[in-house]
Amino acid sequence: MPQNSTPAGVQPSREPYRLDESDDTSAPTPIESAVIQSRYGRTPDRKLRDRRILWALGGIFVLVLGAWVLWTGLDGASTQIEARDIGHTIIDEHTVSVTFEVSLPVNRTASCAVQALNESYSVVGWKIIDLPPSTLYNRSFTEILRTTDLSNTGLIYECWLT
């Protein structure tokens, strides 16, 4: 394929092609008719309304963000207690021993729900125990659960301050 794509019999021009030969480089003047401006939504009232809507949406966003920060960040009650499973021992078909560690504020009482699950993850044993106050922050407990069926595991379900 030839590099020059000029049709046969036409001489290529040595000058660049120009659309407009006039010296006027200014943009056309816009039509400032009130009817045209209103038709396309460029009235001063519309700009003011749009600005108010944007400020209202920004204010709502700030309020929602502030409420979320207060709800998640400053709620100290949910971070005061933590429970961790240490292990479990299946004693027999109807008994399991669950060992767990609880971290809670000093001299505070708490309650914990301990559960035993079978192979299909159904609850076959459940017990709520009360933890007495102590001068220690971290404490370990071992609890014996009676089960209705052979359990596969025993674990701590949840702890809460009382």
Protein backbone atom coordinates (compact mmCIF):
# COMPACT_ATOMS: atom_id res chain seq x y z
CA MET A 1 0.00 0.00 0.00
CA PRO A 2 1.47 3.39 -0.93
CA GLN A 3 2.16 5.84 1.85
CA ASN A 4 0.60 8.75 -0.01
CA SER A 5 -3.18 8.31 -0.18
CA THR A 6 -3.80 11.20 -2.61
CA PRO A 7 -6.07 10.23 -5.55
CA ALA A 8 -4.48 9.94 -8.97
CA GLY A 9 -4.25 13.18 -10.91
CA VAL A 10 -4.49 15.42 -7.80
CA GLN A 11 -1.46 17.34 -6.67
CA PRO A 12 -0.92 17.32 -2.88
CA SER A 13 -0.90 20.72 -1.25
CA ARG A 14 2.18 21.92 0.54
CA GLU A 15 0.21 24.23 2.87
CA PRO A 16 -1.77 23.03 5.91
CA TYR A 17 -5.51 22.83 5.48
CA ARG A 18 -7.53 25.58 7.19
CA LEU A 19 -11.24 25.57 7.89
CA ASP A 20 -11.64 29.29 8.27
CA GLU A 21 -9.53 31.89 6.59
CA SER A 22 -10.92 34.78 8.66
CA ASP A 23 -8.89 36.61 11.27
CA ASP A 24 -11.76 36.60 13.79
CA THR A 25 -10.65 34.23 16.58
CA SER A 26 -13.23 35.28 19.18
CA ALA A 27 -16.02 32.93 20.22
CA PRO A 28 -19.56 33.68 19.11
CA THR A 29 -21.55 35.79 21.53
CA PRO A 30 -24.08 33.77 23.52
CA ILE A 31 -27.74 34.53 23.29
CA GLU A 32 -28.76 35.92 26.65
CA SER A 33 -32.48 35.73 26.14
CA ALA A 34 -34.45 35.06 29.34
CA VAL A 35 -36.60 32.55 27.48
CA ILE A 36 -33.54 30.58 26.33
CA GLN A 37 -31.96 30.71 29.79
CA SER A 38 -35.20 29.51 31.40
CA ARG A 39 -35.62 26.72 28.86
CA TYR A 40 -32.23 25.24 29.70
CA GLY A 41 -32.42 25.80 33.47
CA ARG A 42 -29.85 28.56 33.79
CA THR A 43 -31.88 31.03 35.82
CA PRO A 44 -30.54 32.66 39.01
CA ASP A 45 -33.34 31.04 41.04
CA ARG A 46 -32.34 27.60 39.82
CA LYS A 47 -28.69 28.16 40.73
CA LEU A 48 -29.71 29.29 44.21
CA ARG A 49 -31.98 26.26 44.62
CA ASP A 50 -29.24 23.88 43.46
CA ARG A 51 -26.79 25.43 45.91
CA ARG A 52 -29.28 25.03 48.77
CA ILE A 53 -29.90 21.39 47.86
CA LEU A 54 -26.17 20.68 47.83
CA TRP A 55 -25.69 22.32 51.23
CA ALA A 56 -28.65 20.34 52.66
CA LEU A 57 -27.27 17.05 51.33
CA GLY A 58 -23.84 17.89 52.72
CA GLY A 59 -25.38 18.68 56.12
CA ILE A 60 -27.31 15.40 56.15
CA PHE A 61 -24.12 13.51 55.28
CA VAL A 62 -22.23 15.19 58.14
CA LEU A 63 -25.05 14.37 60.59
CA VAL A 64 -25.15 10.70 59.54
CA LEU A 65 -21.37 10.44 59.73
CA GLY A 66 -21.34 12.03 63.19
CA ALA A 67 -24.06 9.69 64.44
CA TRP A 68 -22.15 6.69 63.11
CA VAL A 69 -18.94 7.82 64.83
CA LEU A 70 -20.79 8.25 68.12
CA TRP A 71 -22.52 4.89 67.80
CA THR A 72 -19.42 2.86 66.90
CA GLY A 73 -16.45 4.76 68.26
CA LEU A 74 -17.59 6.14 71.56
CA ASP A 75 -19.66 3.18 72.76
CA GLY A 76 -17.30 1.87 75.41
CA ALA A 77 -19.60 -0.83 76.78
CA SER A 78 -19.05 -3.19 73.86
CA THR A 79 -15.26 -3.18 74.26
CA GLN A 80 -15.14 -3.76 78.01
CA ILE A 81 -15.52 -7.54 77.89
CA GLU A 82 -13.92 -10.16 75.68
CA ALA A 83 -14.20 -13.96 75.77
CA ARG A 84 -11.90 -16.49 74.07
CA ASP A 85 -12.21 -20.25 73.71
CA ILE A 86 -9.25 -22.17 75.12
CA GLY A 87 -10.41 -25.73 74.52
CA HIS A 88 -12.96 -28.43 75.18
CA THR A 89 -12.93 -32.06 76.31
CA ILE A 90 -15.70 -34.53 75.55
CA ILE A 91 -16.05 -36.52 78.75
CA ASP A 92 -18.81 -38.92 77.69
CA GLU A 93 -21.93 -39.04 75.50
CA HIS A 94 -23.80 -36.53 77.68
CA THR A 95 -21.02 -34.36 79.16
CA VAL A 96 -18.47 -31.90 77.78
CA SER A 97 -15.94 -29.69 79.56
CA VAL A 98 -15.39 -26.19 78.12
CA THR A 99 -12.37 -24.05 79.05
CA PHE A 100 -12.42 -20.35 78.19
CA GLU A 101 -10.78 -17.07 79.16
CA VAL A 102 -12.64 -13.85 79.91
CA SER A 103 -11.18 -10.32 79.99
CA LEU A 104 -13.41 -7.90 81.85
CA PRO A 105 -12.98 -4.79 84.01
CA VAL A 106 -11.71 -5.29 87.56
CA ASN A 107 -14.38 -5.79 90.26
CA ARG A 108 -17.20 -6.21 87.72
CA THR A 109 -19.58 -9.15 87.50
CA ALA A 110 -20.49 -10.79 84.21
CA SER A 111 -22.49 -13.67 82.81
CA CYS A 112 -21.49 -15.99 79.99
CA ALA A 113 -23.42 -18.43 77.82
CA VAL A 114 -21.54 -21.67 77.15
CA GLN A 115 -22.80 -24.10 74.51
CA ALA A 116 -22.10 -27.55 73.13
CA LEU A 117 -22.69 -28.39 69.47
CA ASN A 118 -23.02 -31.72 67.65
CA GLU A 119 -21.63 -32.64 64.21
CA SER A 120 -24.45 -30.82 62.38
CA TYR A 121 -23.78 -27.66 64.47
CA SER A 122 -27.02 -28.02 66.42
CA VAL A 123 -26.99 -26.90 70.05
CA VAL A 124 -27.11 -29.99 72.29
CA GLY A 125 -26.09 -28.27 75.53
CA TRP A 126 -26.41 -24.74 76.90
CA LYS A 127 -25.62 -23.13 80.22
CA ILE A 128 -25.44 -19.55 81.53
CA ILE A 129 -22.86 -19.04 84.24
CA ASP A 130 -22.27 -16.03 86.49
CA LEU A 131 -18.71 -14.77 86.92
CA PRO A 132 -17.95 -13.20 90.31
CA PRO A 133 -16.00 -9.92 90.62
CA SER A 134 -12.24 -10.20 90.81
CA THR A 135 -9.13 -8.04 91.04
CA LEU A 136 -7.76 -9.73 87.88
CA TYR A 137 -8.51 -8.47 84.38
CA ASN A 138 -7.94 -11.85 82.62
CA ARG A 139 -9.46 -14.97 84.13
CA SER A 140 -9.78 -18.59 82.97
CA PHE A 141 -12.78 -20.82 83.66
CA THR A 142 -13.67 -24.44 83.03
CA GLU A 143 -17.34 -25.35 82.94
CA ILE A 144 -18.98 -28.79 82.71
CA LEU A 145 -22.05 -28.97 80.42
CA ARG A 146 -24.67 -31.66 80.31
CA THR A 147 -25.78 -32.46 76.75
CA THR A 148 -28.80 -34.14 75.21
CA ASP A 149 -26.71 -35.93 72.59
CA LEU A 150 -23.07 -36.63 71.83
CA SER A 151 -21.38 -33.27 71.33
CA ASN A 152 -18.67 -32.52 68.81
CA THR A 153 -17.44 -29.29 70.40
CA GLY A 154 -17.96 -27.00 73.35
CA LEU A 155 -17.42 -23.26 73.22
CA ILE A 156 -18.24 -19.90 74.71
CA TYR A 157 -21.19 -18.25 72.96
CA GLU A 158 -21.33 -14.77 74.50
CA CYS A 159 -20.45 -12.82 77.65
CA TRP A 160 -22.00 -9.62 78.99
CA LEU A 161 -21.59 -7.36 82.02
CA THR A 162 -24.18 -7.71 84.76
